[in-house]
Amino acid sequence: MLRKLLFFGLVLASISLNAFALEETIGDFTFTYTVSDNEATITHYAVQNAHTTFTVPATLGGYPVVYLAITGGSGSGFSMFDVTSFVIPSTVISIANLTFLTYSEWYKNRPSGYVYLGKVLVEYNGTPPANISVLNDTLGIEKSVFSGHPTITAVELPQSLKYIGSSAFSGCSGIPSISLPDNIKIISASAFSGCSRIQSLVLPSSLKTLGGSAFYGCTALTNDLILPNGVTQIGVSAFQDCSLLRSVKISDSVTTLSSSAFSGCTSLSLAEIGANVAVIEGSAFYNCANLSFISLPASVASIASSAFSNCTKLKQVYCFPSVAPGGTGNIFTSSPQIHVLSSASGYTIPTWRGGTITTDLENCPLVSFDSQGGTFISPQYFPCGKPYGTLPQPVKNGYLFLGWHTQPMGDGERIKSTLLSPQTAVKRYTHSGDVPKQSTHTPISILSMRVNPQSSMRMRPQLLRSPMAH
């Protein structure tokens, strides 16, 4: 066995292993590969002598072979036309470039229906059925396998699945729902774009990569979206034109909001930006017409032009960076009031990038919401001494939202939009995870939901325990 290192740089001490292409020879086969996160990706092959079986090794250089991204090959006496079978190890979850396979004798004789290489579904040969049930133990679904088939009305994915390739289900406008397995690591570009009937989406905690346009144009998506910890970048246009999406909570692992990530989400009224987001690219929230406020964590170092353009209701911005984020051009077109710390620097006063600066952030109260079993509502900042304005409305099946109060079960003062925001501390009720990490002062109020069953049944004192009658 021969292993060779191909250098692509001169100053070796400053370059990680990921910058190298490696080679390893196993018998007549030589594979070129790269390593990232202790996983090998094969990019090229060279073969000596004729072979009818093409065998991919399970490891290269001691690293498991997880991805095949073969862009070309060569050989002396070898022809892909002669290959009648492939041996793919169970470590492989993606075979990204299938071109090299199409020349093989194996491909000419591939079966009808689901076509597998190893544990990767690489094609559906023929017209797929209305109900798709991907086989158990499948690790990956490759590029465009079910793309452009609006007649598909149901999809069942196995828990073993780790990878969904680009455009795998794009244009499948007949799918009303999708349940993503708990082991998914990668959702590639445009994987579910144009799936315009999907109403609810739960992204698993295992997710690491969310590709560009992954859910572009999922116009029926209405739930409260949570980006899980582990995802570091939200791809370009990942949720663009998800026009019914109500809210999004971006985890602290995310560092970049790519351009147009949530552009055109016209129903989005709440966007909680994680505490480690450093870059907000252009048009990230363009035309989010229902967004009325935004809190920018202290980690934000750069905001591109038009990031919040055409957000017509955006009037309050709570900006925690102690130094004004870099970038050129206006961020806002709605002329919001931008609350910054009195000690902050770099902000031009009285106006900065499309808004009006107010140095009062230390005094802006953070209000937490206890929805008492309804949908989670993130804490919000409010301008000190000014009306609350429009408050969020939680949803709980079987109940009708009646309003917010300063005490649970409808007790205490009922909060009206005309009331001034609190300026003195009151008893508050804790809610797990409800204090943003960028907050440097104590939350001082809690509003609780009062609910009524949506029926004519007799009301009981403890309304939260009363089911809806049918």
Protein backbone atom coordinates (compact mmCIF):
# COMPACT_ATOMS: atom_id res chain seq x y z
CA MET A 1 0.00 0.00 0.00
CA LEU A 2 1.43 3.33 -1.08
CA ARG A 3 0.35 6.71 0.25
CA LYS A 4 1.43 10.01 -1.25
CA LEU A 5 0.84 13.64 -0.21
CA LEU A 6 0.28 16.28 -2.89
CA PHE A 7 1.13 19.75 -1.58
CA PHE A 8 -0.79 22.82 -2.73
CA GLY A 9 1.08 25.40 -0.68
CA LEU A 10 4.52 26.57 0.32
CA VAL A 11 4.17 27.54 3.96
CA LEU A 12 3.26 24.09 5.28
CA ALA A 13 3.21 24.99 8.96
CA SER A 14 0.24 27.30 8.50
CA ILE A 15 -1.89 24.96 6.39
CA SER A 16 -4.23 22.36 7.85
CA LEU A 17 -4.67 18.85 6.51
CA ASN A 18 -7.85 19.99 4.78
CA ALA A 19 -5.72 22.01 2.30
CA PHE A 20 -3.98 18.87 1.02
CA ALA A 21 -4.97 16.35 -1.59
CA LEU A 22 -3.78 12.88 -0.62
CA GLU A 23 -3.18 9.77 -2.66
CA GLU A 24 -3.29 6.13 -1.70
CA THR A 25 -2.73 3.07 -3.86
CA ILE A 26 -4.50 -0.19 -3.13
CA GLY A 27 -3.59 -2.88 -5.61
CA ASP A 28 -4.29 -1.58 -9.13
CA PHE A 29 -6.37 1.33 -7.81
CA THR A 30 -4.99 4.75 -6.83
CA PHE A 31 -7.41 7.17 -5.14
CA THR A 32 -7.00 10.92 -4.67
CA TYR A 33 -8.86 12.22 -1.64
CA THR A 34 -9.22 15.07 0.84
CA VAL A 35 -9.91 14.98 4.56
CA SER A 36 -12.28 17.21 6.52
CA ASP A 37 -13.62 16.62 10.03
CA ASN A 38 -11.79 13.27 10.04
CA GLU A 39 -13.80 12.07 7.02
CA ALA A 40 -12.37 11.25 3.58
CA THR A 41 -13.80 12.42 0.25
CA ILE A 42 -12.59 10.67 -2.93
CA THR A 43 -12.17 13.10 -5.82
CA HIS A 44 -10.25 11.12 -8.48
CA TYR A 45 -9.13 7.62 -9.36
CA ALA A 46 -6.51 5.91 -11.54
CA VAL A 47 -6.61 2.21 -12.38
CA GLN A 48 -4.07 -0.13 -13.86
CA ASN A 49 -5.25 -3.11 -15.93
CA ALA A 50 -8.76 -4.21 -16.82
CA HIS A 51 -11.36 -4.69 -14.08
CA THR A 52 -15.04 -5.56 -14.13
CA THR A 53 -15.52 -4.65 -10.47
CA PHE A 54 -14.83 -1.15 -9.11
CA THR A 55 -14.12 -1.33 -5.40
CA VAL A 56 -14.18 1.75 -3.17
CA PRO A 57 -12.15 1.30 0.04
CA ALA A 58 -13.80 1.78 3.44
CA THR A 59 -10.84 3.84 4.69
CA LEU A 60 -8.05 5.93 3.22
CA GLY A 61 -5.17 7.06 5.38
CA GLY A 62 -7.03 5.71 8.38
CA TYR A 63 -10.04 7.95 7.71
CA PRO A 64 -13.47 6.52 6.82
CA VAL A 65 -14.53 7.17 3.24
CA VAL A 66 -17.82 9.07 3.60
CA TYR A 67 -18.19 11.02 0.35
CA LEU A 68 -17.59 10.21 -3.32
CA ALA A 69 -17.18 13.39 -5.35
CA ILE A 70 -15.30 11.88 -8.27
CA THR A 71 -14.72 14.40 -11.05
CA GLY A 72 -12.63 12.17 -13.28
CA GLY A 73 -10.45 9.12 -13.64
CA SER A 74 -7.78 7.51 -15.73
CA GLY A 75 -6.25 4.11 -16.33
CA SER A 76 -3.95 1.94 -18.35
CA GLY A 77 -5.87 -0.97 -19.80
CA PHE A 78 -8.91 -0.01 -17.71
CA SER A 79 -12.26 1.12 -19.11
CA MET A 80 -15.37 2.07 -17.14
CA PHE A 81 -17.38 0.52 -19.97
CA ASP A 82 -16.26 -2.91 -18.71
CA VAL A 83 -17.44 -2.42 -15.12
CA THR A 84 -20.41 -4.60 -14.27
CA SER A 85 -20.48 -4.04 -10.49
CA PHE A 86 -19.47 -1.57 -7.80
CA VAL A 87 -18.49 -2.32 -4.23
CA ILE A 88 -19.37 0.66 -2.03
CA PRO A 89 -18.59 0.52 1.71
CA SER A 90 -21.29 1.15 4.29
CA THR A 91 -19.44 4.29 5.40
CA VAL A 92 -20.40 6.22 2.23
CA ILE A 93 -23.41 8.54 2.58
CA SER A 94 -23.07 10.55 -0.65
CA ILE A 95 -22.09 9.87 -4.26
CA ALA A 96 -22.27 13.44 -5.49
CA ASN A 97 -21.08 13.09 -9.09
CA LEU A 98 -22.71 10.18 -10.91
CA THR A 99 -21.33 10.97 -14.34
CA PHE A 100 -18.52 8.45 -14.06
CA LEU A 101 -21.08 5.71 -13.34
CA THR A 102 -23.19 6.28 -16.43
CA TYR A 103 -20.51 4.87 -18.73
CA SER A 104 -20.47 1.52 -16.97
CA GLU A 105 -22.09 -1.71 -18.03
CA TRP A 106 -23.67 -1.75 -14.58
CA TYR A 107 -25.58 1.44 -15.33
CA LYS A 108 -26.92 0.12 -18.61
CA ASN A 109 -28.39 -2.86 -16.75
CA ARG A 110 -29.55 -1.06 -13.62
CA PRO A 111 -32.91 -2.19 -12.23
CA SER A 112 -36.21 -0.36 -12.48
CA GLY A 113 -37.41 1.60 -9.46
CA TYR A 114 -35.06 2.38 -6.57
CA VAL A 115 -31.41 2.22 -7.69
CA TYR A 116 -28.81 1.87 -4.93
CA LEU A 117 -25.05 1.91 -4.70
CA GLY A 118 -24.12 0.66 -1.28
CA LYS A 119 -26.57 2.38 1.06
CA VAL A 120 -27.02 5.45 -1.13
CA LEU A 121 -30.16 5.90 -3.24
CA VAL A 122 -28.73 7.31 -6.48
CA GLU A 123 -31.75 7.22 -8.78
CA TYR A 124 -35.35 6.22 -9.28
CA ASN A 125 -35.46 4.50 -12.66
CA GLY A 126 -38.90 5.22 -14.04
CA THR A 127 -41.84 7.24 -12.77
CA PRO A 128 -41.94 7.22 -8.96
CA PRO A 129 -45.15 6.18 -7.18
CA ALA A 130 -47.36 8.59 -5.26
CA ASN A 131 -46.19 7.15 -1.95
CA ILE A 132 -42.41 7.08 -1.52
CA SER A 133 -40.99 4.80 1.14
CA VAL A 134 -37.21 4.91 1.22
CA LEU A 135 -35.65 1.63 2.34
CA ASN A 136 -34.47 1.12 5.90
CA ASP A 137 -30.70 1.50 6.39
CA THR A 138 -30.48 4.07 3.57
CA LEU A 139 -27.75 6.61 4.42
CA GLY A 140 -28.10 9.06 1.55
CA ILE A 141 -30.49 10.24 -1.17
CA GLU A 142 -28.65 11.72 -4.11
CA LYS A 143 -29.14 14.68 -6.39
CA SER A 144 -32.54 15.11 -8.10
CA VAL A 145 -33.72 11.55 -7.35
CA PHE A 146 -37.37 12.63 -7.02
CA SER A 147 -37.12 16.16 -8.46
CA GLY A 148 -40.00 17.57 -10.47
CA HIS A 149 -42.65 14.98 -9.59
CA PRO A 150 -45.73 16.83 -8.24
CA THR A 151 -47.64 13.52 -8.25
CA ILE A 152 -45.73 12.38 -5.15
CA THR A 153 -48.08 12.87 -2.20
CA ALA A 154 -46.32 11.11 0.68
CA VAL A 155 -42.68 10.51 1.67
CA GLU A 156 -41.39 8.22 4.41
CA LEU A 157 -37.71 8.57 5.28
CA PRO A 158 -35.79 6.07 7.46
CA GLN A 159 -34.11 7.07 10.72
CA SER A 160 -30.79 5.91 9.27
CA LEU A 161 -30.74 8.76 6.70
CA LYS A 162 -27.85 11.24 7.07
CA TYR A 163 -27.68 13.02 3.72
CA ILE A 164 -30.21 14.58 1.32
CA GLY A 165 -28.68 15.69 -1.98
CA SER A 166 -29.31 18.83 -3.98
CA SER A 167 -32.79 19.11 -5.52
CA ALA A 168 -33.64 15.63 -4.21
CA PHE A 169 -37.31 16.59 -3.74
CA SER A 170 -37.44 19.98 -5.48
CA GLY A 171 -40.71 20.72 -7.22
CA CYS A 172 -42.58 17.95 -5.39
CA SER A 173 -45.51 20.27 -4.82
CA GLY A 174 -47.87 17.47 -3.82
CA ILE A 175 -46.08 16.59 -0.56
CA PRO A 176 -48.15 17.99 2.36
CA SER A 177 -45.67 17.11 5.11
CA ILE A 178 -42.16 15.82 5.68
CA SER A 179 -40.70 14.17 8.78
CA LEU A 180 -36.93 14.55 8.83
CA PRO A 181 -35.04 11.73 10.56
CA ASP A 182 -33.11 12.40 13.73
CA ASN A 183 -29.74 11.54 12.13
CA ILE A 184 -29.77 13.99 9.21
CA LYS A 185 -26.42 15.81 8.91
CA ILE A 186 -26.71 17.53 5.54
CA ILE A 187 -29.63 19.04 3.64
CA SER A 188 -28.15 20.18 0.34
CA ALA A 189 -29.04 23.07 -1.94
CA SER A 190 -32.65 23.21 -3.17
CA ALA A 191 -33.40 19.84 -1.54
CA PHE A 192 -37.04 20.78 -0.90
CA SER A 193 -37.40 23.96 -2.96
CA GLY A 194 -40.84 24.45 -4.42
CA CYS A 195 -42.48 21.93 -2.06
CA SER A 196 -45.34 24.39 -1.77
CA ARG A 197 -47.70 22.24 0.35
CA ILE A 198 -45.40 21.44 3.29
CA GLN A 199 -46.96 23.16 6.30
CA SER A 200 -44.68 22.21 9.18
CA LEU A 201 -40.94 21.65 9.51
CA VAL A 202 -38.83 20.40 12.42
CA LEU A 203 -35.09 20.46 11.79
CA PRO A 204 -33.32 17.70 13.77
CA SER A 205 -30.59 18.50 16.28
CA SER A 206 -28.14 16.40 14.22
CA LEU A 207 -28.22 18.89 11.31
CA LYS A 208 -24.87 20.50 10.47
CA THR A 209 -25.27 21.85 6.93
CA LEU A 210 -28.26 23.68 5.44
CA GLY A 211 -27.71 24.42 1.76
CA GLY A 212 -28.79 27.39 -0.31
CA SER A 213 -32.47 27.46 -1.35
CA ALA A 214 -33.02 24.30 0.70
CA PHE A 215 -36.65 25.28 1.40
CA TYR A 216 -37.04 28.10 -1.12
CA GLY A 217 -40.66 28.72 -2.03
CA CYS A 218 -42.23 26.46 0.60
CA THR A 219 -45.16 28.84 0.64
CA ALA A 220 -47.40 26.82 3.01
CA LEU A 221 -44.79 26.55 5.78
CA THR A 222 -46.45 28.18 8.80
CA ASN A 223 -44.84 26.81 11.97
CA ASP A 224 -42.39 28.43 14.36
CA LEU A 225 -39.01 27.43 12.93
CA ILE A 226 -36.01 26.58 15.13
CA LEU A 227 -32.52 26.36 13.63
CA PRO A 228 -30.73 23.73 15.76
CA ASN A 229 -27.35 24.00 17.42
CA GLY A 230 -24.68 22.62 15.13
CA VAL A 231 -25.67 24.58 12.03
CA THR A 232 -23.09 27.34 11.47
CA GLN A 233 -24.37 28.92 8.28
CA ILE A 234 -27.83 29.34 6.83
CA GLY A 235 -27.44 29.02 3.06
CA VAL A 236 -28.28 31.66 0.45
CA SER A 237 -32.07 31.93 0.00
CA ALA A 238 -32.54 28.92 2.30
CA PHE A 239 -36.06 30.00 3.29
CA GLN A 240 -36.74 32.68 0.69
CA ASP A 241 -40.39 33.25 -0.14
CA CYS A 242 -41.70 31.05 2.68
CA SER A 243 -44.45 33.61 2.83
CA LEU A 244 -46.48 32.08 5.71
CA LEU A 245 -43.56 31.39 8.07
CA ARG A 246 -44.45 33.04 11.40
CA SER A 247 -41.26 33.04 13.44
CA VAL A 248 -37.68 31.79 13.43
CA LYS A 249 -35.25 31.12 16.26
CA ILE A 250 -31.64 31.04 15.09
CA SER A 251 -29.33 29.01 17.32
CA ASP A 252 -26.12 30.26 18.91
CA SER A 253 -24.04 27.99 16.65
CA VAL A 254 -24.94 30.03 13.56
CA THR A 255 -22.29 32.59 12.61
CA THR A 256 -23.50 33.68 9.15
CA LEU A 257 -26.92 34.59 7.78
CA SER A 258 -26.40 34.35 4.04
CA SER A 259 -27.95 36.69 1.49
CA SER A 260 -31.73 36.43 1.07
CA ALA A 261 -31.89 33.68 3.72
CA PHE A 262 -35.36 34.82 4.80
CA SER A 263 -36.15 37.24 2.00
CA GLY A 264 -39.82 37.42 1.12
CA CYS A 265 -41.04 35.81 4.36
CA THR A 266 -43.85 38.34 4.48
CA SER A 267 -45.65 36.82 7.49
CA LEU A 268 -42.52 36.65 9.65
CA SER A 269 -43.24 38.65 12.80
CA LEU A 270 -40.44 37.39 15.05
CA ALA A 271 -36.82 36.60 14.27
CA GLU A 272 -34.56 35.73 17.21
CA ILE A 273 -30.93 36.01 16.08
CA GLY A 274 -28.44 33.77 17.89
CA ALA A 275 -25.78 35.19 20.18
CA ASN A 276 -22.86 34.31 17.87
CA VAL A 277 -24.04 35.60 14.52
CA ALA A 278 -21.19 37.71 13.15
CA VAL A 279 -22.24 38.34 9.54
CA ILE A 280 -25.63 39.31 8.14
CA GLU A 281 -25.43 39.39 4.36
CA GLY A 282 -27.40 41.50 1.90
CA SER A 283 -31.20 41.13 1.74
CA ALA A 284 -31.13 38.50 4.50
CA PHE A 285 -34.55 39.70 5.70
CA TYR A 286 -35.61 41.67 2.62
CA ASN A 287 -39.36 42.21 2.34
CA CYS A 288 -40.22 40.68 5.71
CA ALA A 289 -43.12 43.08 5.81
CA ASN A 290 -44.56 41.90 9.14
CA LEU A 291 -41.35 42.19 11.16
CA SER A 292 -41.84 45.00 13.69
CA PHE A 293 -38.65 44.75 15.77
CA ILE A 294 -35.25 43.04 15.72
CA SER A 295 -32.52 42.53 18.32
CA LEU A 296 -28.96 42.39 16.99
CA PRO A 297 -26.56 40.54 19.34
CA ALA A 298 -23.20 41.95 20.40
CA SER A 299 -21.45 39.44 18.12
CA VAL A 300 -22.60 41.11 14.89
CA ALA A 301 -19.56 42.60 13.14
CA SER A 302 -20.87 43.13 9.62
CA ILE A 303 -24.27 43.91 8.09
CA ALA A 304 -24.52 44.23 4.32
CA SER A 305 -26.64 46.73 2.45
CA SER A 306 -30.41 46.11 2.31
CA ALA A 307 -30.30 43.36 4.95
CA PHE A 308 -33.65 44.61 6.29
CA SER A 309 -34.89 46.60 3.31
CA ASN A 310 -38.63 46.78 2.63
CA CYS A 311 -39.47 45.62 6.14
CA THR A 312 -42.21 48.21 6.24
CA LYS A 313 -43.31 47.59 9.86
CA LEU A 314 -39.81 47.48 11.32
CA LYS A 315 -39.74 50.43 13.72
CA GLN A 316 -37.60 49.29 16.67
CA VAL A 317 -34.06 47.89 16.43
CA TYR A 318 -32.09 46.89 19.56
CA CYS A 319 -28.45 46.93 18.55
CA PHE A 320 -25.99 45.45 21.10
CA PRO A 321 -22.62 45.67 19.27
CA SER A 322 -20.42 48.11 21.19
CA VAL A 323 -18.79 49.06 17.88
CA ALA A 324 -20.98 49.77 14.89
CA PRO A 325 -21.09 46.74 12.52
CA GLY A 326 -19.17 47.23 9.30
CA GLY A 327 -20.63 47.47 5.83
CA THR A 328 -21.77 50.14 3.41
CA GLY A 329 -25.16 51.36 2.30
CA ASN A 330 -28.42 51.52 4.18
CA ILE A 331 -29.57 48.46 6.09
CA PHE A 332 -33.10 49.73 6.62
CA THR A 333 -35.70 51.50 4.49
CA SER A 334 -38.39 51.85 7.20
CA SER A 335 -36.49 54.53 9.19
CA PRO A 336 -36.58 52.60 12.49
CA GLN A 337 -35.44 53.85 15.86
CA ILE A 338 -32.11 52.11 16.62
CA HIS A 339 -31.37 51.68 20.31
CA VAL A 340 -27.64 51.39 21.10
CA LEU A 341 -25.57 51.40 24.28
CA SER A 342 -24.60 54.86 25.52
CA SER A 343 -20.95 53.76 25.44
CA ALA A 344 -21.11 52.40 21.87
CA SER A 345 -18.86 53.87 19.18
CA GLY A 346 -18.86 54.11 15.41
CA TYR A 347 -22.53 54.91 15.02
CA THR A 348 -23.20 58.18 13.23
CA ILE A 349 -25.68 60.34 15.11
CA PRO A 350 -28.50 61.18 14.64
CA THR A 351 -28.89 58.73 11.74
CA TRP A 352 -27.06 55.53 10.87
CA ARG A 353 -27.59 53.36 7.79
CA GLY A 354 -31.28 54.17 7.38
CA GLY A 355 -32.35 54.55 11.00
CA THR A 356 -32.33 57.06 13.85
CA ILE A 357 -29.90 56.40 16.70
CA THR A 358 -31.00 56.55 20.35
CA THR A 359 -28.39 55.89 23.06
CA ASP A 360 -30.75 54.33 25.61
CA LEU A 361 -30.36 50.57 25.23
CA GLU A 362 -29.41 50.12 28.90
CA ASN A 363 -32.89 51.35 29.86
CA CYS A 364 -34.93 49.28 27.39
CA PRO A 365 -36.86 46.63 29.37
CA LEU A 366 -36.66 42.99 28.35
CA VAL A 367 -40.11 41.43 28.60
CA SER A 368 -40.46 37.66 28.87
CA PHE A 369 -43.61 35.78 27.84
CA ASP A 370 -45.01 32.69 29.59
CA SER A 371 -47.57 31.21 27.19
CA GLN A 372 -48.60 28.51 29.70
CA GLY A 373 -48.34 25.60 27.28
CA GLY A 374 -48.87 27.57 24.10
CA THR A 375 -46.26 28.21 21.43
CA PHE A 376 -42.97 29.58 22.73
CA ILE A 377 -42.60 33.35 22.45
CA SER A 378 -39.08 34.74 22.64
CA PRO A 379 -38.32 37.65 25.01
CA GLN A 380 -38.61 41.07 23.44
CA TYR A 381 -37.16 44.49 24.19
CA PHE A 382 -39.45 47.51 24.32
CA PRO A 383 -38.66 51.23 24.20
CA CYS A 384 -38.59 52.63 27.69
CA GLY A 385 -41.69 54.61 28.66
CA LYS A 386 -43.50 54.05 25.35
CA PRO A 387 -46.56 51.97 24.40
CA TYR A 388 -46.03 48.26 23.89
CA GLY A 389 -47.61 48.35 20.45
CA THR A 390 -48.72 45.08 18.85
CA LEU A 391 -47.95 42.10 21.11
CA PRO A 392 -47.36 38.56 19.85
CA GLN A 393 -50.17 36.02 20.01
CA PRO A 394 -49.38 32.43 21.04
CA VAL A 395 -51.31 29.42 19.79
CA LYS A 396 -52.53 26.45 21.84
CA ASN A 397 -54.75 23.75 20.39
CA GLY A 398 -58.25 23.87 21.84
CA TYR A 399 -57.91 27.34 23.33
CA LEU A 400 -58.68 30.88 22.38
CA PHE A 401 -56.12 33.55 23.20
CA LEU A 402 -57.70 36.36 25.21
CA GLY A 403 -54.74 38.53 26.11
CA TRP A 404 -51.61 39.05 28.20
CA HIS A 405 -51.58 39.64 31.95
CA THR A 406 -48.94 40.36 34.56
CA GLN A 407 -49.95 37.26 36.56
CA PRO A 408 -50.80 33.71 35.42
CA MET A 409 -54.35 32.43 34.84
CA GLY A 410 -55.58 35.86 33.80
CA ASP A 411 -54.83 37.50 37.14
CA GLY A 412 -53.09 40.80 37.63
CA GLU A 413 -53.13 43.67 35.21
CA ARG A 414 -54.16 43.03 31.62
CA ILE A 415 -51.63 44.48 29.22
CA LYS A 416 -52.98 46.69 26.47
CA SER A 417 -50.99 47.98 23.54
CA THR A 418 -51.59 51.52 24.76
CA LEU A 419 -49.94 50.89 28.15
CA LEU A 420 -46.42 52.13 28.67
CA SER A 421 -43.68 49.53 28.91
CA PRO A 422 -42.67 48.67 32.51
CA GLN A 423 -40.04 50.79 34.22
CA THR A 424 -40.00 49.12 37.62
CA ALA A 425 -39.26 45.55 38.61
CA VAL A 426 -42.20 43.22 39.16
CA LYS A 427 -42.44 39.55 40.11
CA ARG A 428 -41.55 37.45 37.06
CA TYR A 429 -42.06 33.81 36.15
CA THR A 430 -39.16 31.86 34.72
CA HIS A 431 -39.32 30.19 31.32
CA SER A 432 -36.52 27.89 30.19
CA GLY A 433 -34.11 29.60 27.85
CA ASP A 434 -35.98 32.87 27.76
CA VAL A 435 -33.10 35.27 28.44
CA PRO A 436 -30.97 36.17 25.39
CA LYS A 437 -27.25 35.83 26.07
CA GLN A 438 -26.55 39.33 24.83
CA SER A 439 -28.69 40.81 27.61
CA THR A 440 -26.64 42.73 30.15
CA HIS A 441 -29.49 43.72 32.43
CA THR A 442 -32.25 41.95 34.32
CA PRO A 443 -35.60 41.11 32.68
CA ILE A 444 -38.23 42.91 34.68
CA SER A 445 -41.62 41.68 33.58
CA ILE A 446 -43.51 38.61 32.48
CA LEU A 447 -46.78 38.50 30.63
CA SER A 448 -48.88 35.36 30.84
CA MET A 449 -51.55 34.01 28.54
CA ARG A 450 -55.14 33.74 29.58
CA VAL A 451 -57.04 31.13 27.64
CA ASN A 452 -60.59 29.90 27.09
CA PRO A 453 -61.72 26.58 25.59
CA GLN A 454 -63.11 27.10 22.08
CA SER A 455 -66.51 25.57 22.92
CA SER A 456 -69.74 26.26 24.70
CA MET A 457 -68.83 24.06 27.66
CA ARG A 458 -69.06 25.57 31.15
CA MET A 459 -65.91 27.43 32.05
CA ARG A 460 -63.95 26.09 35.02
CA PRO A 461 -61.58 28.01 37.28
CA GLN A 462 -58.46 26.26 35.97
CA LEU A 463 -59.04 26.85 32.30
CA LEU A 464 -55.68 25.46 31.17
CA ARG A 465 -56.85 21.98 32.19
CA SER A 466 -60.16 22.17 30.35
CA PRO A 467 -60.10 20.30 27.01
CA MET A 468 -61.98 21.51 23.98
CA ALA A 469 -65.31 19.70 23.64
CA HIS A 470 -66.24 18.05 20.35
